[in-house]
Amino acid sequence: MKKKIKILIADDAVDTVELLKKRFHSEGYDTAEAYNGEEALKQVAECNPDLIVLDIMMPKIDGYEVCQRLKADENTRYIPVLMLTAKGEVENKVKGLDIGADDYLAKPFDYKELSARVRSLLTIKAAREKLVEEEKAEALEKMMEEVTHEIRNPLTSIGGFARRVYEKLPEGDSNKKYMEMIIDDVARLENMIKQLVELKTIAISYREPTNINDVIMEALKLFEKEFEDKGIEVKTKLVDNPPLIPVDKEQMKVAISNLIRNSIEAMQERLKILKLTSQISDGRMEIQVSDTGKGIPKDKIKHIFDPFFTSKIYGPGLGLTFTLKIVQQHRGTISVESEPGKGTTFTIRLPLKKS
């Protein structure tokens, strides 16, 4: 199921909060509520809303201060803030906009106007996020070219010379262990270079009508022994007779396998359950990979698709970057939901028809 857009309503007037809550729910939005400035900041940290409707005159911390703090924080500065207040004077509007509010509406308001402004702010936010992703993809391409060009050849020389020195050292020589460390590190870096080269070739794909359930089962088959050795219970719930969709079968198998690999690495407790599902939702094929692992902290979750991102759960590498790029090449999307201590769910959504 597609994740709903969440709007935080921060207002000390209970009637206003209830009215907006009902209206937003009727439009398909999810909501969170706060009745003073402190609650508003706490809710932002807990639920990471997509947009905030923020009253200025609130107890404890007023809306100006809340907005200022949000816009000063790198993690929250790009959440659109629509200021809602009984004060309609020009100087109050100017102050709100000066501290970073994205829009301003005075009470009493017409809900149709409020709704239109909310849609506009969400559209701008989505456009900005798309631009950021495109810029990141362009930067990644540039980085791959520079790394492969500048590092590959000298790394090959270092590895070759290190192995030659190692072979000439007599048995028992204490320097041998240091040469082994150099050789191992070079091998690790050479593997990363190999991954970067492979990542660049993902753009070349052969797509054909494919039963996505077959791809999922082939990906699972790669880990059968590991599931048994580590006591991981695998559950599947796949859509019956799915329509064939145009994908590169090998690339999509790699994408799903990378998600399975990350789930395996995340599950270290006794309860180890891996779930894979497929379903049709909103005109797209949806594939979910869920685990009962450690989960991903909120401050880390937005970075997990970055190249060589490292956390306590996932080691450095390009697995998730590979998956993101493969899904994007298929004009699909991938999202992640996670709760520390409970597990993580990755969701891939692919178009049913070739676009």
Protein backbone atom coordinates (compact mmCIF):
# COMPACT_ATOMS: atom_id res chain seq x y z
CA MET A 1 0.00 0.00 0.00
CA LYS A 2 1.26 3.44 -0.92
CA LYS A 3 2.32 5.49 2.08
CA LYS A 4 -0.15 8.31 2.83
CA ILE A 5 0.97 11.92 2.96
CA LYS A 6 1.06 13.02 6.60
CA ILE A 7 0.09 16.53 7.69
CA LEU A 8 0.82 17.83 11.18
CA ILE A 9 -1.90 20.17 12.50
CA ALA A 10 -0.51 22.39 15.28
CA ASP A 11 -3.16 24.65 16.84
CA ASP A 12 -4.38 25.20 20.41
CA ALA A 13 -7.98 25.54 19.18
CA VAL A 14 -9.44 22.04 19.49
CA ASP A 15 -12.34 22.83 17.13
CA THR A 16 -9.95 23.96 14.39
CA VAL A 17 -7.81 20.84 14.80
CA GLU A 18 -10.83 18.54 14.62
CA LEU A 19 -12.22 20.32 11.57
CA LEU A 20 -8.93 20.15 9.68
CA LYS A 21 -8.37 16.56 10.77
CA LYS A 22 -11.75 15.47 9.31
CA ARG A 23 -11.26 17.46 6.09
CA PHE A 24 -7.72 16.18 5.52
CA HIS A 25 -8.78 12.58 6.16
CA SER A 26 -11.59 12.96 3.62
CA GLU A 27 -8.97 13.98 1.04
CA GLY A 28 -6.87 10.89 1.76
CA TYR A 29 -4.21 12.48 3.96
CA ASP A 30 -2.98 11.08 7.27
CA THR A 31 -2.65 13.51 10.18
CA ALA A 32 -0.92 14.12 13.48
CA GLU A 33 -2.05 16.72 15.99
CA ALA A 34 -0.39 19.09 18.46
CA TYR A 35 -1.95 21.67 20.75
CA ASN A 36 1.09 23.72 21.73
CA GLY A 37 4.55 24.51 20.38
CA GLU A 38 6.39 21.90 22.43
CA GLU A 39 4.03 19.16 21.24
CA ALA A 40 4.48 20.35 17.66
CA LEU A 41 8.27 19.99 17.79
CA LYS A 42 7.93 16.58 19.44
CA GLN A 43 5.48 15.38 16.78
CA VAL A 44 7.78 16.54 13.98
CA ALA A 45 10.62 14.48 15.46
CA GLU A 46 8.40 11.42 15.91
CA CYS A 47 6.33 11.30 12.71
CA ASN A 48 8.36 13.34 10.18
CA PRO A 49 5.32 14.96 8.50
CA ASP A 50 5.20 15.93 4.84
CA LEU A 51 3.66 19.32 5.65
CA ILE A 52 2.80 21.37 8.76
CA VAL A 53 -0.22 23.61 9.28
CA LEU A 54 1.03 25.81 12.10
CA ASP A 55 -0.89 28.30 14.23
CA ILE A 56 1.10 31.29 15.47
CA MET A 57 -0.64 31.96 18.81
CA MET A 58 0.07 28.81 20.81
CA PRO A 59 1.03 28.20 24.45
CA LYS A 60 4.55 27.31 25.66
CA ILE A 61 6.27 28.05 22.32
CA ASP A 62 4.58 30.19 19.70
CA GLY A 63 4.41 29.32 16.00
CA TYR A 64 7.12 31.81 15.06
CA GLU A 65 9.62 30.06 17.35
CA VAL A 66 8.53 26.59 16.18
CA CYS A 67 8.98 27.59 12.54
CA GLN A 68 12.34 29.18 13.24
CA ARG A 69 13.65 26.05 14.96
CA LEU A 70 12.40 23.79 12.17
CA LYS A 71 13.98 25.92 9.45
CA ALA A 72 17.30 26.04 11.35
CA ASP A 73 17.51 22.23 11.51
CA GLU A 74 18.95 20.46 8.45
CA ASN A 75 16.62 17.49 9.04
CA THR A 76 13.40 19.55 9.03
CA ARG A 77 14.09 22.75 7.09
CA TYR A 78 12.50 21.47 3.88
CA ILE A 79 9.17 20.46 5.45
CA PRO A 80 6.65 22.99 4.07
CA VAL A 81 5.08 25.17 6.78
CA LEU A 82 1.71 26.84 6.21
CA MET A 83 1.13 29.41 8.95
CA LEU A 84 -2.46 29.73 10.09
CA THR A 85 -3.42 32.54 12.42
CA ALA A 86 -6.10 35.01 13.45
CA LYS A 87 -3.61 37.80 12.87
CA GLY A 88 -4.02 39.12 9.37
CA GLU A 89 -1.88 42.25 9.54
CA VAL A 90 0.85 42.68 6.91
CA GLU A 91 3.65 42.86 9.50
CA ASN A 92 2.68 39.45 10.92
CA LYS A 93 2.67 37.89 7.45
CA VAL A 94 6.07 39.42 6.73
CA LYS A 95 7.51 38.13 10.00
CA GLY A 96 6.24 34.62 9.33
CA LEU A 97 7.66 34.55 5.82
CA ASP A 98 10.95 36.09 6.96
CA ILE A 99 11.59 33.27 9.42
CA GLY A 100 10.97 30.67 6.72
CA ALA A 101 7.24 29.93 6.52
CA ASP A 102 6.30 28.72 3.05
CA ASP A 103 2.80 30.19 3.02
CA TYR A 104 0.42 32.17 5.23
CA LEU A 105 -3.36 32.10 5.67
CA ALA A 106 -5.42 34.18 8.10
CA LYS A 107 -8.41 32.95 10.08
CA PRO A 108 -11.26 32.69 9.37
CA PHE A 109 -10.23 30.77 6.27
CA ASP A 110 -12.00 29.11 3.40
CA TYR A 111 -11.13 25.41 3.47
CA LYS A 112 -11.04 25.18 -0.35
CA GLU A 113 -8.33 27.83 -0.38
CA LEU A 114 -6.42 26.08 2.40
CA SER A 115 -6.68 22.76 0.54
CA ALA A 116 -5.41 24.36 -2.68
CA ARG A 117 -2.44 25.88 -0.85
CA VAL A 118 -1.64 22.52 0.76
CA ARG A 119 -1.67 20.80 -2.65
CA SER A 120 0.56 23.51 -4.09
CA LEU A 121 3.11 23.20 -1.27
CA LEU A 122 3.14 19.40 -1.58
CA THR A 123 3.66 19.66 -5.34
CA ILE A 124 6.62 22.00 -4.83
CA LYS A 125 8.06 19.65 -2.20
CA ALA A 126 7.74 16.64 -4.53
CA ALA A 127 9.39 18.56 -7.38
CA ARG A 128 12.29 19.56 -5.13
CA GLU A 129 12.77 15.97 -3.93
CA LYS A 130 12.79 14.74 -7.54
CA LEU A 131 15.39 17.35 -8.45
CA VAL A 132 17.56 16.34 -5.50
CA GLU A 133 17.40 12.68 -6.59
CA GLU A 134 18.35 13.62 -10.15
CA GLU A 135 21.28 15.71 -8.89
CA LYS A 136 22.42 12.82 -6.68
CA ALA A 137 22.24 10.43 -9.65
CA GLU A 138 24.29 12.82 -11.77
CA ALA A 139 26.87 13.22 -8.99
CA LEU A 140 27.04 9.44 -8.63
CA GLU A 141 27.74 9.02 -12.34
CA LYS A 142 30.54 11.60 -12.14
CA MET A 143 31.99 9.98 -9.03
CA MET A 144 32.03 6.55 -10.68
CA GLU A 145 33.94 7.86 -13.66
CA GLU A 146 36.51 9.69 -11.54
CA VAL A 147 37.04 6.79 -9.15
CA THR A 148 37.44 4.18 -11.83
CA HIS A 149 39.80 6.40 -13.83
CA GLU A 150 41.99 7.68 -10.98
CA ILE A 151 42.15 4.65 -8.68
CA ARG A 152 41.80 1.49 -10.75
CA ASN A 153 45.24 1.39 -12.37
CA PRO A 154 47.36 2.41 -9.32
CA LEU A 155 45.35 0.00 -7.17
CA THR A 156 46.19 -2.85 -9.56
CA SER A 157 49.88 -1.95 -9.31
CA ILE A 158 49.79 -1.80 -5.50
CA GLY A 159 48.07 -5.18 -5.32
CA GLY A 160 50.50 -6.77 -7.79
CA PHE A 161 53.61 -5.45 -6.03
CA ALA A 162 52.25 -6.39 -2.60
CA ARG A 163 51.63 -9.98 -3.70
CA ARG A 164 55.11 -10.17 -5.23
CA VAL A 165 56.76 -8.93 -2.03
CA TYR A 166 54.63 -11.30 0.06
CA GLU A 167 55.74 -14.31 -2.03
CA LYS A 168 59.43 -13.40 -1.62
CA LEU A 169 59.30 -13.00 2.16
CA PRO A 170 60.55 -16.08 4.03
CA GLU A 171 58.16 -18.09 6.20
CA GLY A 172 58.03 -16.74 9.73
CA ASP A 173 58.89 -13.20 8.68
CA SER A 174 56.82 -10.83 10.84
CA ASN A 175 56.29 -8.52 7.85
CA LYS A 176 54.19 -11.16 6.13
CA LYS A 177 51.14 -10.41 8.26
CA TYR A 178 51.36 -6.72 7.27
CA MET A 179 51.57 -7.64 3.59
CA GLU A 180 48.52 -9.87 4.04
CA MET A 181 46.62 -6.91 5.47
CA ILE A 182 47.62 -4.76 2.47
CA ILE A 183 46.60 -7.48 0.00
CA ASP A 184 43.22 -7.96 1.74
CA ASP A 185 42.51 -4.21 1.74
CA VAL A 186 43.49 -3.91 -1.91
CA ALA A 187 41.15 -6.81 -2.76
CA ARG A 188 38.32 -5.06 -0.91
CA LEU A 189 38.95 -1.81 -2.80
CA GLU A 190 39.23 -3.66 -6.12
CA ASN A 191 35.83 -5.23 -5.42
CA MET A 192 34.35 -1.77 -4.79
CA ILE A 193 35.78 -0.54 -8.10
CA LYS A 194 34.26 -3.58 -9.80
CA GLN A 195 30.91 -2.72 -8.22
CA LEU A 196 31.15 0.87 -9.47
CA VAL A 197 31.81 -0.32 -13.01
CA GLU A 198 28.88 -2.74 -12.78
CA LEU A 199 26.66 0.02 -11.42
CA LYS A 200 27.37 2.14 -14.48
CA THR A 201 26.40 -0.69 -16.84
CA ILE A 202 22.93 -1.03 -15.26
CA ALA A 203 21.65 1.51 -17.78
CA ILE A 204 22.00 -1.22 -20.42
CA SER A 205 19.13 -3.63 -19.89
CA TYR A 206 17.02 -6.11 -21.81
CA ARG A 207 13.39 -5.93 -20.77
CA GLU A 208 10.85 -8.57 -21.61
CA PRO A 209 7.37 -9.50 -20.31
CA THR A 210 8.03 -11.23 -17.01
CA ASN A 211 6.13 -12.90 -14.19
CA ILE A 212 7.51 -10.99 -11.19
CA ASN A 213 6.67 -13.90 -8.87
CA ASP A 214 9.20 -16.04 -10.75
CA VAL A 215 11.88 -13.39 -10.20
CA ILE A 216 11.08 -13.26 -6.47
CA MET A 217 11.30 -17.04 -6.11
CA GLU A 218 14.59 -17.18 -8.05
CA ALA A 219 16.03 -14.51 -5.74
CA LEU A 220 14.92 -16.45 -2.66
CA LYS A 221 16.46 -19.64 -4.01
CA LEU A 222 19.92 -18.04 -3.87
CA PHE A 223 19.68 -17.88 -0.07
CA GLU A 224 18.08 -21.26 0.73
CA LYS A 225 21.11 -22.66 2.56
CA GLU A 226 21.69 -19.43 4.46
CA PHE A 227 18.06 -19.36 5.58
CA GLU A 228 18.44 -22.89 6.92
CA ASP A 229 21.81 -22.26 8.60
CA LYS A 230 20.63 -19.08 10.34
CA GLY A 231 17.15 -20.30 11.27
CA ILE A 232 15.29 -17.70 9.20
CA GLU A 233 11.63 -18.40 8.53
CA VAL A 234 10.57 -17.27 5.06
CA LYS A 235 6.96 -16.35 4.33
CA THR A 236 5.63 -15.48 0.87
CA LYS A 237 2.28 -14.09 -0.20
CA LEU A 238 2.31 -13.55 -3.94
CA VAL A 239 -0.50 -12.29 -6.16
CA ASP A 240 -2.21 -15.04 -8.18
CA ASN A 241 -1.64 -15.00 -11.95
CA PRO A 242 0.06 -11.59 -12.07
CA PRO A 243 0.14 -9.72 -15.38
CA LEU A 244 3.48 -9.90 -17.16
CA ILE A 245 5.46 -6.68 -16.76
CA PRO A 246 8.45 -5.45 -18.80
CA VAL A 247 11.62 -5.93 -16.72
CA ASP A 248 15.19 -7.07 -17.11
CA LYS A 249 14.87 -10.34 -15.19
CA GLU A 250 18.52 -10.57 -14.13
CA GLN A 251 18.72 -6.97 -12.97
CA MET A 252 15.46 -7.22 -11.03
CA LYS A 253 16.66 -10.42 -9.40
CA VAL A 254 19.79 -8.55 -8.28
CA ALA A 255 17.63 -5.71 -6.90
CA ILE A 256 15.43 -8.05 -4.85
CA SER A 257 18.43 -10.16 -3.77
CA ASN A 258 20.13 -7.05 -2.36
CA LEU A 259 17.07 -6.33 -0.22
CA ILE A 260 17.01 -9.93 1.00
CA ARG A 261 20.73 -9.74 1.81
CA ASN A 262 20.22 -6.60 3.88
CA SER A 263 17.32 -8.23 5.74
CA ILE A 264 19.46 -11.25 6.57
CA GLU A 265 22.23 -9.02 7.93
CA ALA A 266 19.72 -7.06 10.03
CA MET A 267 18.19 -10.12 11.72
CA GLN A 268 20.39 -11.21 14.60
CA GLU A 269 17.83 -11.98 17.30
CA ARG A 270 16.00 -15.26 17.87
CA LEU A 271 12.85 -14.25 16.01
CA LYS A 272 13.92 -14.18 12.37
CA ILE A 273 11.10 -13.83 9.87
CA LEU A 274 11.48 -12.67 6.28
CA LYS A 275 8.33 -11.85 4.33
CA LEU A 276 8.07 -11.31 0.58
CA THR A 277 4.82 -10.22 -1.00
CA SER A 278 3.61 -9.10 -4.41
CA GLN A 279 0.36 -7.33 -5.20
CA ILE A 280 -1.21 -4.89 -7.64
CA SER A 281 -1.90 -1.49 -6.11
CA ASP A 282 -2.84 1.82 -7.76
CA GLY A 283 -2.10 0.41 -11.22
CA ARG A 284 1.40 -0.74 -10.31
CA MET A 285 3.09 -3.97 -9.30
CA GLU A 286 4.16 -3.73 -5.67
CA ILE A 287 6.89 -5.93 -4.20
CA GLN A 288 7.61 -5.86 -0.46
CA VAL A 289 10.54 -7.31 1.47
CA SER A 290 10.00 -7.19 5.25
CA ASP A 291 12.14 -8.41 8.12
CA THR A 292 12.09 -8.61 11.92
CA GLY A 293 15.56 -7.14 12.23
CA LYS A 294 17.05 -4.26 14.19
CA GLY A 295 15.37 -1.57 12.14
CA ILE A 296 16.97 1.64 10.90
CA PRO A 297 17.18 4.82 13.02
CA LYS A 298 15.31 7.84 11.61
CA ASP A 299 18.50 9.87 11.22
CA LYS A 300 20.03 7.11 9.07
CA ILE A 301 17.08 6.03 6.95
CA LYS A 302 17.36 8.80 4.35
CA HIS A 303 21.00 7.90 3.65
CA ILE A 304 20.75 4.13 3.18
CA PHE A 305 20.67 4.34 -0.63
CA ASP A 306 23.83 6.48 -0.72
CA PRO A 307 26.97 4.75 -2.06
CA PHE A 308 29.08 3.08 0.66
CA PHE A 309 26.75 4.20 3.43
CA THR A 310 27.69 2.49 6.67
CA SER A 311 25.57 1.89 9.75
CA LYS A 312 25.66 -0.54 12.64
CA ILE A 313 23.13 -2.63 10.73
CA TYR A 314 24.41 -2.50 7.17
CA GLY A 315 28.06 -2.45 6.22
CA PRO A 316 29.57 -0.25 3.50
CA GLY A 317 28.74 -1.23 -0.04
CA LEU A 318 26.63 -0.56 -3.09
CA GLY A 319 23.85 -3.11 -2.64
CA LEU A 320 21.04 -0.68 -1.91
CA THR A 321 22.45 1.86 -4.38
CA PHE A 322 22.30 -0.90 -7.03
CA THR A 323 18.70 -1.64 -6.12
CA LEU A 324 17.67 2.03 -6.27
CA LYS A 325 19.29 2.52 -9.68
CA ILE A 326 17.77 -0.67 -11.12
CA VAL A 327 14.29 0.30 -9.92
CA GLN A 328 14.69 3.83 -11.31
CA GLN A 329 15.86 2.44 -14.67
CA HIS A 330 12.57 0.54 -14.77
CA ARG A 331 10.68 3.82 -14.09
CA GLY A 332 9.69 2.51 -10.68
CA THR A 333 10.06 3.75 -7.13
CA ILE A 334 11.40 2.28 -3.89
CA SER A 335 10.52 3.34 -0.37
CA VAL A 336 11.46 2.15 3.10
CA GLU A 337 9.64 2.10 6.42
CA SER A 338 11.44 1.04 9.57
CA GLU A 339 11.06 0.98 13.32
CA PRO A 340 14.16 0.39 15.47
CA GLY A 341 13.85 -2.90 17.33
CA LYS A 342 10.95 -4.17 15.21
CA GLY A 343 12.09 -4.39 11.60
CA THR A 344 12.16 -2.86 8.15
CA THR A 345 10.01 -3.02 5.02
CA PHE A 346 11.26 -2.09 1.56
CA THR A 347 8.61 -1.52 -1.11
CA ILE A 348 9.32 -1.55 -4.85
CA ARG A 349 6.62 -0.21 -7.16
CA LEU A 350 6.86 -0.90 -10.90
CA PRO A 351 4.63 0.27 -13.77
CA LEU A 352 2.49 -2.50 -15.24
CA LYS A 353 3.05 -1.30 -18.81
CA LYS A 354 6.12 -0.19 -20.69
CA SER A 355 6.33 3.60 -20.64
